[in-house]
């Protein structure tokens, strides 16, 4: 159970950081969400593809939805957390 919670927490952190990193250099909201998704699930997708395994977010779509919603939240609070 703790491993799953840490997995969700890491997905949240990577989605948030990927979105904020793009928002610091650009202002297109769709691309910011894409960067959040790419950052949070990209590494695991490459890992599963290279191992020949089923891609994890196709098996458990909660990771994709979680990344999407955290990216939206990051965009909404962006101007409050940046100087």
Protein backbone atom coordinates (compact mmCIF):
# COMPACT_ATOMS: atom_id res chain seq x y z
CA UNK A 1 0.00 0.00 0.00
CA UNK A 2 2.82 2.42 0.86
CA UNK A 3 4.54 1.72 -2.45
CA UNK A 4 1.37 2.63 -4.36
CA UNK A 5 1.02 5.86 -2.39
CA UNK A 6 4.64 6.75 -3.16
CA UNK A 7 4.03 5.94 -6.81
CA UNK A 8 1.04 8.30 -6.89
CA UNK A 9 3.01 10.96 -5.03
CA UNK A 10 5.87 10.77 -7.53
CA UNK A 11 3.39 11.06 -10.40
CA UNK A 12 1.91 14.17 -8.77
CA UNK A 13 5.32 15.76 -8.22
CA UNK A 14 6.52 15.11 -11.77
CA UNK A 15 3.28 16.37 -13.34
CA UNK A 16 3.38 19.53 -11.23
CA UNK A 17 7.07 20.21 -11.95
CA UNK A 18 6.74 19.54 -15.67
CA UNK A 19 3.81 21.93 -15.97
CA UNK A 20 5.47 24.68 -13.92
CA UNK A 21 8.74 24.27 -15.85
CA UNK A 22 6.94 24.94 -19.12
CA UNK A 23 4.88 27.80 -17.69
CA UNK A 24 8.16 29.54 -16.78
CA UNK A 25 9.19 29.66 -20.46
CA UNK A 26 5.90 29.65 -22.38
CA UNK A 27 2.28 30.50 -22.00
CA UNK A 28 0.39 27.96 -24.11
CA UNK A 29 -1.82 26.09 -21.66
CA UNK A 30 -2.33 23.01 -23.83
CA UNK A 31 1.40 22.50 -24.22
CA UNK A 32 1.86 23.06 -20.47
CA UNK A 33 -0.56 20.19 -19.77
CA UNK A 34 1.23 18.04 -22.36
CA UNK A 35 4.59 18.75 -20.68
CA UNK A 36 3.11 17.76 -17.33
CA UNK A 37 1.82 14.50 -18.78
CA UNK A 38 5.06 13.80 -20.61
CA UNK A 39 7.15 14.43 -17.52
CA UNK A 40 5.02 12.31 -15.22
CA UNK A 41 4.40 9.23 -17.38
CA UNK A 42 7.08 9.45 -20.08
CA UNK A 43 9.85 7.59 -18.27
CA UNK A 44 7.67 4.65 -17.32
CA UNK A 45 6.30 4.46 -20.85
CA UNK A 46 9.82 4.22 -22.28
CA UNK A 47 10.75 1.61 -19.65
CA UNK A 48 7.72 -0.55 -20.44
CA UNK A 49 8.22 -0.21 -24.21
CA UNK A 50 11.87 -1.26 -23.99
CA UNK A 51 10.99 -4.22 -21.74
CA UNK A 52 8.18 -5.34 -24.02
CA UNK A 53 5.64 -4.99 -21.20
CA UNK A 54 2.19 -3.50 -21.39
CA UNK A 55 2.38 0.27 -20.87
CA UNK A 56 1.51 0.97 -17.24
CA UNK A 57 -0.92 3.84 -17.79
CA UNK A 58 -2.94 1.75 -20.24
CA UNK A 59 -3.27 -0.90 -17.54
CA UNK A 60 -3.96 1.65 -14.77
CA UNK A 61 -5.38 4.86 -16.30
CA UNK A 62 -5.48 6.54 -12.88
CA UNK A 63 -1.90 7.71 -13.58
CA UNK A 64 -2.98 9.51 -16.74
CA UNK A 65 -6.00 11.14 -15.08
CA UNK A 66 -3.99 12.10 -12.00
CA UNK A 67 -1.29 13.71 -14.15
CA UNK A 68 -3.88 15.62 -16.16
CA UNK A 69 -5.68 17.01 -13.12
CA UNK A 70 -2.48 17.95 -11.33
CA UNK A 71 -1.32 19.79 -14.46
CA UNK A 72 -4.59 21.74 -14.52
CA UNK A 73 -4.18 22.57 -10.82
CA UNK A 74 -0.59 23.69 -11.42
CA UNK A 75 -1.75 26.05 -14.17
CA UNK A 76 -4.47 27.48 -11.91
CA UNK A 77 -2.08 28.25 -9.06
CA UNK A 78 0.92 29.24 -11.21
CA UNK A 79 0.58 32.98 -10.75
CA UNK A 80 0.24 32.57 -6.98
CA UNK A 81 3.47 30.61 -6.57
CA UNK A 82 5.73 32.60 -8.88
CA UNK A 83 7.24 35.95 -7.94
